Amino acid sequence: MSSNEHSPLVSSALELFGNLIKVRRLERGITQKDLARSLNISAQTVRCIETGQGNVKVGTVFEVANHLGINLFELDEVSVHEMNEELRDQLTVLPKKLRQPSKSVCVDF
């Protein structure tokens, strides 16, 4: 699989995220260019997100979604922080060897 090809599941998720973002942007009357400008990203990046094409960092997708008030996992900011606190607590009791990933993980889709 080349870097621009995704599994069917990932392709479907990218399409879903892109559609959610596009609908919310259009509902708010925001152009791709204006959305890009407000987030300091390129209009091309917004197009890639909305079409589910290209390699856009997952963090960028979350930033765009958050900016438009979309909770991709139906979690609000408080829930995310609470879950992170719980996970941090769990990580402190794990042996150090288990806390370090054996391979680097790419955050891009």
PDB file of N, CA and C in Angstrom:
ATOM      1  N   MET A   1       0.840  -1.174   0.000  1.00  0.00           N
ATOM      2  CA  MET A   1       0.000   0.000   0.000  1.00  0.00           C
ATOM      3  C   MET A   1       0.886   1.238   0.000  1.00  0.00           C
ATOM      4  N   SER A   2       0.700   2.119  -0.971  1.00  0.00           N
ATOM      5  CA  SER A   2       1.508   3.335  -1.036  1.00  0.00           C
ATOM      6  C   SER A   2       1.057   4.314   0.039  1.00  0.00           C
ATOM      7  N   SER A   3       1.825   5.374   0.220  1.00  0.00           N
ATOM      8  CA  SER A   3       1.513   6.338   1.276  1.00  0.00           C
ATOM      9  C   SER A   3       0.212   7.083   1.017  1.00  0.00           C
ATOM     10  N   ASN A   4      -0.276   7.114  -0.239  1.00  0.00           N
ATOM     11  CA  ASN A   4      -1.524   7.810  -0.536  1.00  0.00           C
ATOM     12  C   ASN A   4      -2.734   6.892  -0.523  1.00  0.00           C
ATOM     13  N   GLU A   5      -2.514   5.582  -0.355  1.00  0.00           N
ATOM     14  CA  GLU A   5      -3.618   4.636  -0.304  1.00  0.00           C
ATOM     15  C   GLU A   5      -3.898   4.285   1.148  1.00  0.00           C
ATOM     16  N   HIS A   6      -5.171   4.049   1.446  1.00  0.00           N
ATOM     17  CA  HIS A   6      -5.573   3.720   2.804  1.00  0.00           C
ATOM     18  C   HIS A   6      -6.414   2.463   2.774  1.00  0.00           C
ATOM     19  N   SER A   7      -6.505   1.821   3.916  1.00  0.00           N
ATOM     20  CA  SER A   7      -7.395   0.672   4.031  1.00  0.00           C
ATOM     21  C   SER A   7      -8.827   1.167   3.853  1.00  0.00           C
ATOM     22  N   PRO A   8      -9.753   0.274   3.535  1.00  0.00           N
ATOM     23  CA  PRO A   8     -11.153   0.697   3.383  1.00  0.00           C
ATOM     24  C   PRO A   8     -11.701   1.375   4.643  1.00  0.00           C
ATOM     25  N   LEU A   9     -11.329   0.883   5.814  1.00  0.00           N
ATOM     26  CA  LEU A   9     -11.811   1.490   7.054  1.00  0.00           C
ATOM     27  C   LEU A   9     -11.308   2.920   7.207  1.00  0.00           C
ATOM     28  N   VAL A  10     -10.025   3.119   6.972  1.00  0.00           N
ATOM     29  CA  VAL A  10      -9.445   4.461   7.094  1.00  0.00           C
ATOM     30  C   VAL A  10     -10.040   5.386   6.036  1.00  0.00           C
ATOM     31  N   SER A  11     -10.202   4.881   4.821  1.00  0.00           N
ATOM     32  CA  SER A  11     -10.809   5.695   3.759  1.00  0.00           C
ATOM     33  C   SER A  11     -12.217   6.130   4.143  1.00  0.00           C
ATOM     34  N   SER A  12     -12.978   5.220   4.729  1.00  0.00           N
ATOM     35  CA  SER A  12     -14.344   5.561   5.160  1.00  0.00           C
ATOM     36  C   SER A  12     -14.328   6.584   6.280  1.00  0.00           C
ATOM     37  N   ALA A  13     -13.399   6.428   7.223  1.00  0.00           N
ATOM     38  CA  ALA A  13     -13.297   7.381   8.330  1.00  0.00           C
ATOM     39  C   ALA A  13     -12.905   8.761   7.819  1.00  0.00           C
ATOM     40  N   LEU A  14     -11.953   8.815   6.882  1.00  0.00           N
ATOM     41  CA  LEU A  14     -11.543  10.099   6.314  1.00  0.00           C
ATOM     42  C   LEU A  14     -12.689  10.763   5.572  1.00  0.00           C
ATOM     43  N   GLU A  15     -13.465   9.955   4.851  1.00  0.00           N
ATOM     44  CA  GLU A  15     -14.623  10.502   4.143  1.00  0.00           C
ATOM     45  C   GLU A  15     -15.647  11.047   5.138  1.00  0.00           C
ATOM     46  N   LEU A  16     -15.902  10.293   6.214  1.00  0.00           N
ATOM     47  CA  LEU A  16     -16.849  10.745   7.236  1.00  0.00           C
ATOM     48  C   LEU A  16     -16.391  12.050   7.861  1.00  0.00           C
ATOM     49  N   PHE A  17     -15.127  12.124   8.293  1.00  0.00           N
ATOM     50  CA  PHE A  17     -14.613  13.345   8.902  1.00  0.00           C
ATOM     51  C   PHE A  17     -14.709  14.509   7.926  1.00  0.00           C
ATOM     52  N   GLY A  18     -14.334  14.261   6.689  1.00  0.00           N
ATOM     53  CA  GLY A  18     -14.389  15.311   5.676  1.00  0.00           C
ATOM     54  C   GLY A  18     -15.795  15.819   5.451  1.00  0.00           C
ATOM     55  N   ASN A  19     -16.752  14.903   5.381  1.00  0.00           N
ATOM     56  CA  ASN A  19     -18.149  15.313   5.186  1.00  0.00           C
ATOM     57  C   ASN A  19     -18.682  16.087   6.385  1.00  0.00           C
ATOM     58  N   LEU A  20     -18.341  15.633   7.595  1.00  0.00           N
ATOM     59  CA  LEU A  20     -18.768  16.365   8.795  1.00  0.00           C
ATOM     60  C   LEU A  20     -18.227  17.790   8.781  1.00  0.00           C
ATOM     61  N   ILE A  21     -16.975  17.910   8.435  1.00  0.00           N
ATOM     62  CA  ILE A  21     -16.322  19.221   8.419  1.00  0.00           C
ATOM     63  C   ILE A  21     -16.908  20.103   7.322  1.00  0.00           C
ATOM     64  N   LYS A  22     -17.116  19.545   6.142  1.00  0.00           N
ATOM     65  CA  LYS A  22     -17.656  20.334   5.035  1.00  0.00           C
ATOM     66  C   LYS A  22     -19.069  20.826   5.338  1.00  0.00           C
ATOM     67  N   VAL A  23     -19.914  19.936   5.854  1.00  0.00           N
ATOM     68  CA  VAL A  23     -21.294  20.331   6.176  1.00  0.00           C
ATOM     69  C   VAL A  23     -21.304  21.437   7.225  1.00  0.00           C
ATOM     70  N   ARG A  24     -20.513  21.288   8.280  1.00  0.00           N
ATOM     71  CA  ARG A  24     -20.489  22.308   9.330  1.00  0.00           C
ATOM     72  C   ARG A  24     -19.961  23.627   8.794  1.00  0.00           C
ATOM     73  N   ARG A  25     -18.931  23.557   7.942  1.00  0.00           N
ATOM     74  CA  ARG A  25     -18.375  24.785   7.366  1.00  0.00           C
ATOM     75  C   ARG A  25     -19.424  25.491   6.524  1.00  0.00           C
ATOM     76  N   LEU A  26     -20.126  24.733   5.675  1.00  0.00           N
ATOM     77  CA  LEU A  26     -21.149  25.316   4.814  1.00  0.00           C
ATOM     78  C   LEU A  26     -22.319  25.854   5.628  1.00  0.00           C
ATOM     79  N   GLU A  27     -22.706  25.146   6.687  1.00  0.00           N
ATOM     80  CA  GLU A  27     -23.789  25.622   7.562  1.00  0.00           C
ATOM     81  C   GLU A  27     -23.445  26.973   8.172  1.00  0.00           C
ATOM     82  N   ARG A  28     -22.191  27.180   8.446  1.00  0.00           N
ATOM     83  CA  ARG A  28     -21.744  28.440   9.052  1.00  0.00           C
ATOM     84  C   ARG A  28     -21.397  29.508   8.024  1.00  0.00           C
ATOM     85  N   GLY A  29     -21.499  29.160   6.740  1.00  0.00           N
ATOM     86  CA  GLY A  29     -21.228  30.129   5.683  1.00  0.00           C
ATOM     87  C   GLY A  29     -19.765  30.521   5.581  1.00  0.00           C
ATOM     88  N   ILE A  30     -18.888  29.596   5.885  1.00  0.00           N
ATOM     89  CA  ILE A  30     -17.452  29.862   5.862  1.00  0.00           C
ATOM     90  C   ILE A  30     -16.864  29.242   4.590  1.00  0.00           C
ATOM     91  N   THR A  31     -16.028  29.997   3.900  1.00  0.00           N
ATOM     92  CA  THR A  31     -15.356  29.454   2.727  1.00  0.00           C
ATOM     93  C   THR A  31     -14.154  28.616   3.171  1.00  0.00           C
ATOM     94  N   GLN A  32     -13.686  27.765   2.281  1.00  0.00           N
ATOM     95  CA  GLN A  32     -12.486  26.983   2.582  1.00  0.00           C
ATOM     96  C   GLN A  32     -11.309  27.910   2.857  1.00  0.00           C
ATOM     97  N   LYS A  33     -11.219  28.962   2.064  1.00  0.00           N
ATOM     98  CA  LYS A  33     -10.122  29.907   2.213  1.00  0.00           C
ATOM     99  C   LYS A  33     -10.168  30.605   3.570  1.00  0.00           C
ATOM    100  N   ASP A  34     -11.365  31.018   3.999  1.00  0.00           N
ATOM    101  CA  ASP A  34     -11.501  31.684   5.305  1.00  0.00           C
ATOM    102  C   ASP A  34     -11.203  30.728   6.452  1.00  0.00           C
ATOM    103  N   LEU A  35     -11.678  29.478   6.327  1.00  0.00           N
ATOM    104  CA  LEU A  35     -11.398  28.482   7.360  1.00  0.00           C
ATOM    105  C   LEU A  35      -9.890  28.242   7.458  1.00  0.00           C
ATOM    106  N   ALA A  36      -9.260  28.092   6.311  1.00  0.00           N
ATOM    107  CA  ALA A  36      -7.816  27.875   6.276  1.00  0.00           C
ATOM    108  C   ALA A  36      -7.077  29.037   6.930  1.00  0.00           C
ATOM    109  N   ARG A  37      -7.472  30.235   6.577  1.00  0.00           N
ATOM    110  CA  ARG A  37      -6.816  31.429   7.123  1.00  0.00           C
ATOM    111  C   ARG A  37      -6.960  31.484   8.642  1.00  0.00           C
ATOM    112  N   SER A  38      -8.154  31.152   9.150  1.00  0.00           N
ATOM    113  CA  SER A  38      -8.379  31.241  10.598  1.00  0.00           C
ATOM    114  C   SER A  38      -7.578  30.201  11.382  1.00  0.00           C
ATOM    115  N   LEU A  39      -7.164  29.138  10.705  1.00  0.00           N
ATOM    116  CA  LEU A  39      -6.395  28.079  11.379  1.00  0.00           C
ATOM    117  C   LEU A  39      -4.926  28.074  10.972  1.00  0.00           C
ATOM    118  N   ASN A  40      -4.546  29.035  10.142  1.00  0.00           N
ATOM    119  CA  ASN A  40      -3.168  29.132   9.662  1.00  0.00           C
ATOM    120  C   ASN A  40      -2.727  27.858   8.938  1.00  0.00           C
ATOM    121  N   ILE A  41      -3.622  27.354   8.087  1.00  0.00           N
ATOM    122  CA  ILE A  41      -3.296  26.219   7.218  1.00  0.00           C
ATOM    123  C   ILE A  41      -3.655  26.633   5.797  1.00  0.00           C
ATOM    124  N   SER A  42      -3.319  25.811   4.830  1.00  0.00           N
ATOM    125  CA  SER A  42      -3.612  26.164   3.443  1.00  0.00           C
ATOM    126  C   SER A  42      -5.035  25.736   3.058  1.00  0.00           C
ATOM    127  N   ALA A  43      -5.596  26.420   2.072  1.00  0.00           N
ATOM    128  CA  ALA A  43      -6.903  26.037   1.542  1.00  0.00           C
ATOM    129  C   ALA A  43      -6.825  24.638   0.937  1.00  0.00           C
ATOM    130  N   GLN A  44      -5.660  24.279   0.392  1.00  0.00           N
ATOM    131  CA  GLN A  44      -5.450  22.931  -0.149  1.00  0.00           C
ATOM    132  C   GLN A  44      -5.598  21.883   0.953  1.00  0.00           C
ATOM    133  N   THR A  45      -5.111  22.177   2.141  1.00  0.00           N
ATOM    134  CA  THR A  45      -5.259  21.249   3.265  1.00  0.00           C
ATOM    135  C   THR A  45      -6.734  21.070   3.615  1.00  0.00           C
ATOM    136  N   VAL A  46      -7.483  22.152   3.621  1.00  0.00           N
ATOM    137  CA  VAL A  46      -8.924  22.057   3.893  1.00  0.00           C
ATOM    138  C   VAL A  46      -9.592  21.196   2.831  1.00  0.00           C
ATOM    139  N   ARG A  47      -9.246  21.414   1.565  1.00  0.00           N
ATOM    140  CA  ARG A  47      -9.816  20.597   0.484  1.00  0.00           C
ATOM    141  C   ARG A  47      -9.475  19.124   0.670  1.00  0.00           C
ATOM    142  N   CYS A  48      -8.237  18.844   1.024  1.00  0.00           N
ATOM    143  CA  CYS A  48      -7.818  17.453   1.247  1.00  0.00           C
ATOM    144  C   CYS A  48      -8.604  16.814   2.389  1.00  0.00           C
ATOM    145  N   ILE A  49      -8.816  17.560   3.451  1.00  0.00           N
ATOM    146  CA  ILE A  49      -9.594  17.031   4.580  1.00  0.00           C
ATOM    147  C   ILE A  49     -11.026  16.761   4.150  1.00  0.00           C
ATOM    148  N   GLU A  50     -11.631  17.724   3.469  1.00  0.00           N
ATOM    149  CA  GLU A  50     -13.041  17.591   3.092  1.00  0.00           C
ATOM    150  C   GLU A  50     -13.278  16.484   2.076  1.00  0.00           C
ATOM    151  N   THR A  51     -12.292  16.188   1.258  1.00  0.00           N
ATOM    152  CA  THR A  51     -12.457  15.127   0.258  1.00  0.00           C
ATOM    153  C   THR A  51     -11.908  13.792   0.742  1.00  0.00           C
ATOM    154  N   GLY A  52     -11.233  13.796   1.898  1.00  0.00           N
ATOM    155  CA  GLY A  52     -10.641  12.567   2.414  1.00  0.00           C
ATOM    156  C   GLY A  52      -9.441  12.111   1.616  1.00  0.00           C
ATOM    157  N   GLN A  53      -8.870  13.001   0.846  1.00  0.00           N
ATOM    158  CA  GLN A  53      -7.734  12.677  -0.016  1.00  0.00           C
ATOM    159  C   GLN A  53      -6.460  13.268   0.563  1.00  0.00           C
ATOM    160  N   GLY A  54      -5.345  12.693   0.184  1.00  0.00           N
ATOM    161  CA  GLY A  54      -4.063  13.229   0.597  1.00  0.00           C
ATOM    162  C   GLY A  54      -3.679  12.774   1.991  1.00  0.00           C
ATOM    163  N   ASN A  55      -2.510  13.166   2.395  1.00  0.00           N
ATOM    164  CA  ASN A  55      -1.981  12.815   3.713  1.00  0.00           C
ATOM    165  C   ASN A  55      -1.976  14.047   4.596  1.00  0.00           C
ATOM    166  N   VAL A  56      -3.017  14.186   5.377  1.00  0.00           N
ATOM    167  CA  VAL A  56      -3.135  15.302   6.306  1.00  0.00           C
ATOM    168  C   VAL A  56      -2.931  14.747   7.711  1.00  0.00           C
ATOM    169  N   LYS A  57      -2.141  15.423   8.501  1.00  0.00           N
ATOM    170  CA  LYS A  57      -1.907  14.967   9.870  1.00  0.00           C
ATOM    171  C   LYS A  57      -3.227  14.914  10.630  1.00  0.00           C
ATOM    172  N   VAL A  58      -3.371  13.866  11.414  1.00  0.00           N
ATOM    173  CA  VAL A  58      -4.607  13.683  12.169  1.00  0.00           C
ATOM    174  C   VAL A  58      -4.848  14.860  13.123  1.00  0.00           C
ATOM    175  N   GLY A  59      -3.772  15.431  13.649  1.00  0.00           N
ATOM    176  CA  GLY A  59      -3.920  16.589  14.527  1.00  0.00           C
ATOM    177  C   GLY A  59      -4.537  17.774  13.810  1.00  0.00           C
ATOM    178  N   THR A  60      -4.215  17.929  12.549  1.00  0.00           N
ATOM    179  CA  THR A  60      -4.799  19.015  11.759  1.00  0.00           C
ATOM    180  C   THR A  60      -6.292  18.786  11.566  1.00  0.00           C
ATOM    181  N   VAL A  61      -6.674  17.546  11.308  1.00  0.00           N
ATOM    182  CA  VAL A  61      -8.098  17.217  11.163  1.00  0.00           C
ATOM    183  C   VAL A  61      -8.834  17.550  12.458  1.00  0.00           C
ATOM    184  N   PHE A  62      -8.256  17.180  13.598  1.00  0.00           N
ATOM    185  CA  PHE A  62      -8.887  17.474  14.888  1.00  0.00           C
ATOM    186  C   PHE A  62      -8.989  18.972  15.133  1.00  0.00           C
ATOM    187  N   GLU A  63      -7.954  19.726  14.764  1.00  0.00           N
ATOM    188  CA  GLU A  63      -7.992  21.180  14.944  1.00  0.00           C
ATOM    189  C   GLU A  63      -9.118  21.802  14.121  1.00  0.00           C
ATOM    190  N   VAL A  64      -9.249  21.371  12.875  1.00  0.00           N
ATOM    191  CA  VAL A  64     -10.309  21.899  12.010  1.00  0.00           C
ATOM    192  C   VAL A  64     -11.670  21.537  12.593  1.00  0.00           C
ATOM    193  N   ALA A  65     -11.839  20.277  12.979  1.00  0.00           N
ATOM    194  CA  ALA A  65     -13.113  19.824  13.542  1.00  0.00           C
ATOM    195  C   ALA A  65     -13.436  20.599  14.817  1.00  0.00           C
ATOM    196  N   ASN A  66     -12.450  20.740  15.693  1.00  0.00           N
ATOM    197  CA  ASN A  66     -12.668  21.465  16.947  1.00  0.00           C
ATOM    198  C   ASN A  66     -13.042  22.912  16.684  1.00  0.00           C
ATOM    199  N   HIS A  67     -12.382  23.541  15.734  1.00  0.00           N
ATOM    200  CA  HIS A  67     -12.661  24.933  15.381  1.00  0.00           C
ATOM    201  C   HIS A  67     -14.121  25.111  14.944  1.00  0.00           C
ATOM    202  N   LEU A  68     -14.656  24.077  14.285  1.00  0.00           N
ATOM    203  CA  LEU A  68     -16.039  24.137  13.808  1.00  0.00           C
ATOM    204  C   LEU A  68     -17.037  23.567  14.816  1.00  0.00           C
ATOM    205  N   GLY A  69     -16.547  23.180  15.988  1.00  0.00           N
ATOM    206  CA  GLY A  69     -17.427  22.665  17.034  1.00  0.00           C
ATOM    207  C   GLY A  69     -17.863  21.223  16.823  1.00  0.00           C
ATOM    208  N   ILE A  70     -17.048  20.447  16.115  1.00  0.00           N
ATOM    209  CA  ILE A  70     -17.362  19.046  15.849  1.00  0.00           C
ATOM    210  C   ILE A  70     -16.575  18.179  16.815  1.00  0.00           C
ATOM    211  N   ASN A  71     -17.266  17.359  17.590  1.00  0.00           N
ATOM    212  CA  ASN A  71     -16.617  16.402  18.473  1.00  0.00           C
ATOM    213  C   ASN A  71     -16.571  15.069  17.748  1.00  0.00           C
ATOM    214  N   LEU A  72     -15.411  14.723  17.216  1.00  0.00           N
ATOM    215  CA  LEU A  72     -15.288  13.525  16.398  1.00  0.00           C
ATOM    216  C   LEU A  72     -15.561  12.246  17.168  1.00  0.00           C
ATOM    217  N   PHE A  73     -15.347  12.266  18.465  1.00  0.00           N
ATOM    218  CA  PHE A  73     -15.574  11.082  19.265  1.00  0.00           C
ATOM    219  C   PHE A  73     -16.659  11.286  20.305  1.00  0.00           C
ATOM    220  N   GLU A  74     -17.498  12.262  20.071  1.00  0.00           N
ATOM    221  CA  GLU A  74     -18.586  12.587  20.981  1.00  0.00           C
ATOM    222  C   GLU A  74     -18.095  12.830  22.400  1.00  0.00           C
ATOM    223  N   LEU A  75     -16.940  13.417  22.503  1.00  0.00           N
ATOM    224  CA  LEU A  75     -16.378  13.775  23.791  1.00  0.00           C
ATOM    225  C   LEU A  75     -16.197  15.278  23.834  1.00  0.00           C
ATOM    226  N   ASP A  76     -16.518  15.854  24.983  1.00  0.00           N
ATOM    227  CA  ASP A  76     -16.235  17.274  25.113  1.00  0.00           C
ATOM    228  C   ASP A  76     -14.828  17.433  25.696  1.00  0.00           C
ATOM    229  N   GLU A  77     -14.383  18.656  25.766  1.00  0.00           N
ATOM    230  CA  GLU A  77     -13.016  18.911  26.210  1.00  0.00           C
ATOM    231  C   GLU A  77     -12.768  18.400  27.622  1.00  0.00           C
ATOM    232  N   VAL A  78     -13.766  18.546  28.504  1.00  0.00           N
ATOM    233  CA  VAL A  78     -13.624  18.074  29.882  1.00  0.00           C
ATOM    234  C   VAL A  78     -13.453  16.558  29.897  1.00  0.00           C
ATOM    235  N   SER A  79     -14.256  15.843  29.106  1.00  0.00           N
ATOM    236  CA  SER A  79     -14.152  14.389  29.051  1.00  0.00           C
ATOM    237  C   SER A  79     -12.790  13.947  28.555  1.00  0.00           C
ATOM    238  N   VAL A  80     -12.278  14.639  27.541  1.00  0.00           N
ATOM    239  CA  VAL A  80     -10.962  14.296  27.009  1.00  0.00           C
ATOM    240  C   VAL A  80      -9.901  14.470  28.086  1.00  0.00           C
ATOM    241  N   HIS A  81      -9.958  15.594  28.814  1.00  0.00           N
ATOM    242  CA  HIS A  81      -8.976  15.833  29.871  1.00  0.00           C
ATOM    243  C   HIS A  81      -9.106  14.793  30.986  1.00  0.00           C
ATOM    244  N   GLU A  82     -10.346  14.455  31.353  1.00  0.00           N
ATOM    245  CA  GLU A  82     -10.554  13.451  32.396  1.00  0.00           C
ATOM    246  C   GLU A  82     -10.008  12.093  31.962  1.00  0.00           C
ATOM    247  N   MET A  83     -10.275  11.716  30.713  1.00  0.00           N
ATOM    248  CA  MET A  83      -9.770  10.442  30.213  1.00  0.00           C
ATOM    249  C   MET A  83      -8.246  10.437  30.170  1.00  0.00           C
ATOM    250  N   ASN A  84      -7.651  11.554  29.763  1.00  0.00           N
ATOM    251  CA  ASN A  84      -6.191  11.640  29.734  1.00  0.00           C
ATOM    252  C   ASN A  84      -5.607  11.523  31.137  1.00  0.00           C
ATOM    253  N   GLU A  85      -6.250  12.140  32.117  1.00  0.00           N
ATOM    254  CA  GLU A  85      -5.790  12.033  33.510  1.00  0.00           C
ATOM    255  C   GLU A  85      -5.838  10.581  33.973  1.00  0.00           C
ATOM    256  N   GLU A  86      -6.937   9.887  33.683  1.00  0.00           N
ATOM    257  CA  GLU A  86      -7.067   8.483  34.056  1.00  0.00           C
ATOM    258  C   GLU A  86      -5.979   7.645  33.393  1.00  0.00           C
ATOM    259  N   LEU A  87      -5.728   7.904  32.115  1.00  0.00           N
ATOM    260  CA  LEU A  87      -4.700   7.150  31.407  1.00  0.00           C
ATOM    261  C   LEU A  87      -3.306   7.453  31.949  1.00  0.00           C
ATOM    262  N   ARG A  88      -3.059   8.722  32.293  1.00  0.00           N
ATOM    263  CA  ARG A  88      -1.766   9.066  32.885  1.00  0.00           C
ATOM    264  C   ARG A  88      -1.565   8.320  34.205  1.00  0.00           C
ATOM    265  N   ASP A  89      -2.646   8.259  35.013  1.00  0.00           N
ATOM    266  CA  ASP A  89      -2.578   7.527  36.275  1.00  0.00           C
ATOM    267  C   ASP A  89      -2.274   6.050  36.033  1.00  0.00           C
ATOM    268  N   GLN A  90      -2.916   5.472  35.042  1.00  0.00           N
ATOM    269  CA  GLN A  90      -2.678   4.069  34.719  1.00  0.00           C
ATOM    270  C   GLN A  90      -1.243   3.861  34.246  1.00  0.00           C
ATOM    271  N   LEU A  91      -0.737   4.807  33.455  1.00  0.00           N
ATOM    272  CA  LEU A  91       0.627   4.688  32.940  1.00  0.00           C
ATOM    273  C   LEU A  91       1.673   4.740  34.055  1.00  0.00           C
ATOM    274  N   THR A  92       1.391   5.482  35.113  1.00  0.00           N
ATOM    275  CA  THR A  92       2.377   5.589  36.190  1.00  0.00           C
ATOM    276  C   THR A  92       2.558   4.275  36.934  1.00  0.00           C
ATOM    277  N   VAL A  93       1.564   3.405  36.902  1.00  0.00           N
ATOM    278  CA  VAL A  93       1.697   2.129  37.607  1.00  0.00           C
ATOM    279  C   VAL A  93       2.228   1.011  36.716  1.00  0.00           C
ATOM    280  N   LEU A  94       2.313   1.256  35.410  1.00  0.00           N
ATOM    281  CA  LEU A  94       2.872   0.245  34.512  1.00  0.00           C
ATOM    282  C   LEU A  94       4.396   0.247  34.618  1.00  0.00           C
ATOM    283  N   PRO A  95       4.999  -0.917  34.492  1.00  0.00           N
ATOM    284  CA  PRO A  95       6.473  -0.940  34.479  1.00  0.00           C
ATOM    285  C   PRO A  95       6.991  -0.057  33.349  1.00  0.00           C
ATOM    286  N   LYS A  96       8.115   0.601  33.586  1.00  0.00           N
ATOM    287  CA  LYS A  96       8.666   1.535  32.613  1.00  0.00           C
ATOM    288  C   LYS A  96       8.863   0.890  31.252  1.00  0.00           C
ATOM    289  N   LYS A  97       9.282  -0.350  31.205  1.00  0.00           N
ATOM    290  CA  LYS A  97       9.521  -1.043  29.940  1.00  0.00           C
ATOM    291  C   LYS A  97       8.248  -1.098  29.095  1.00  0.00           C
ATOM    292  N   LEU A  98       7.107  -1.266  29.721  1.00  0.00           N
ATOM    293  CA  LEU A  98       5.848  -1.348  28.984  1.00  0.00           C
ATOM    294  C   LEU A  98       5.356   0.012  28.508  1.00  0.00           C
ATOM    295  N   ARG A  99       5.847   1.088  29.131  1.00  0.00           N
ATOM    296  CA  ARG A  99       5.384   2.423  28.749  1.00  0.00           C
ATOM    297  C   ARG A  99       6.035   2.935  27.482  1.00  0.00           C
ATOM    298  N   GLN A 100       7.158   2.380  27.096  1.00  0.00           N
ATOM    299  CA  GLN A 100       7.869   2.858  25.913  1.00  0.00           C
ATOM    300  C   GLN A 100       7.465   2.021  24.705  1.00  0.00           C
ATOM    301  N   PRO A 101       6.952   2.651  23.630  1.00  0.00           N
ATOM    302  CA  PRO A 101       6.608   1.881  22.436  1.00  0.00           C
ATOM    303  C   PRO A 101       7.864   1.300  21.802  1.00  0.00           C
ATOM    304  N   SER A 102       7.738   0.102  21.279  1.00  0.00           N
ATOM    305  CA  SER A 102       8.891  -0.540  20.664  1.00  0.00           C
ATOM    306  C   SER A 102       9.139  -0.015  19.249  1.00  0.00           C
ATOM    307  N   LYS A 103       8.122   0.553  18.635  1.00  0.00           N
ATOM    308  CA  LYS A 103       8.243   1.118  17.294  1.00  0.00           C
ATOM    309  C   LYS A 103       7.679   2.517  17.302  1.00  0.00           C
ATOM    310  N   SER A 104       8.208   3.351  16.433  1.00  0.00           N
ATOM    311  CA  SER A 104       7.633   4.681  16.312  1.00  0.00           C
ATOM    312  C   SER A 104       6.292   4.582  15.601  1.00  0.00           C
ATOM    313  N   VAL A 105       5.391   5.427  15.978  1.00  0.00           N
ATOM    314  CA  VAL A 105       4.057   5.410  15.396  1.00  0.00           C
ATOM    315  C   VAL A 105       3.857   6.690  14.605  1.00  0.00           C
ATOM    316  N   CYS A 106       3.453   6.563  13.365  1.00  0.00           N
ATOM    317  CA  CYS A 106       3.174   7.710  12.520  1.00  0.00           C
ATOM    318  C   CYS A 106       1.801   8.264  12.860  1.00  0.00           C
ATOM    319  N   VAL A 107       1.681   9.564  13.070  1.00  0.00           N
ATOM    320  CA  VAL A 107       0.403  10.156  13.414  1.00  0.00           C
ATOM    321  C   VAL A 107      -0.407  10.556  12.186  1.00  0.00           C
ATOM    322  N   ASP A 108       0.168  10.393  11.003  1.00  0.00           N
ATOM    323  CA  ASP A 108      -0.572  10.680   9.782  1.00  0.00           C
ATOM    324  C   ASP A 108      -1.382   9.469   9.384  1.00  0.00           C
ATOM    325  N   PHE A 109      -2.480   9.715   8.702  1.00  0.00           N
ATOM    326  CA  PHE A 109      -3.254   8.606   8.149  1.00  0.00           C
ATOM    327  C   PHE A 109      -2.518   8.017   7.002  1.00  0.00           C
TER     328      PHE A 109
END
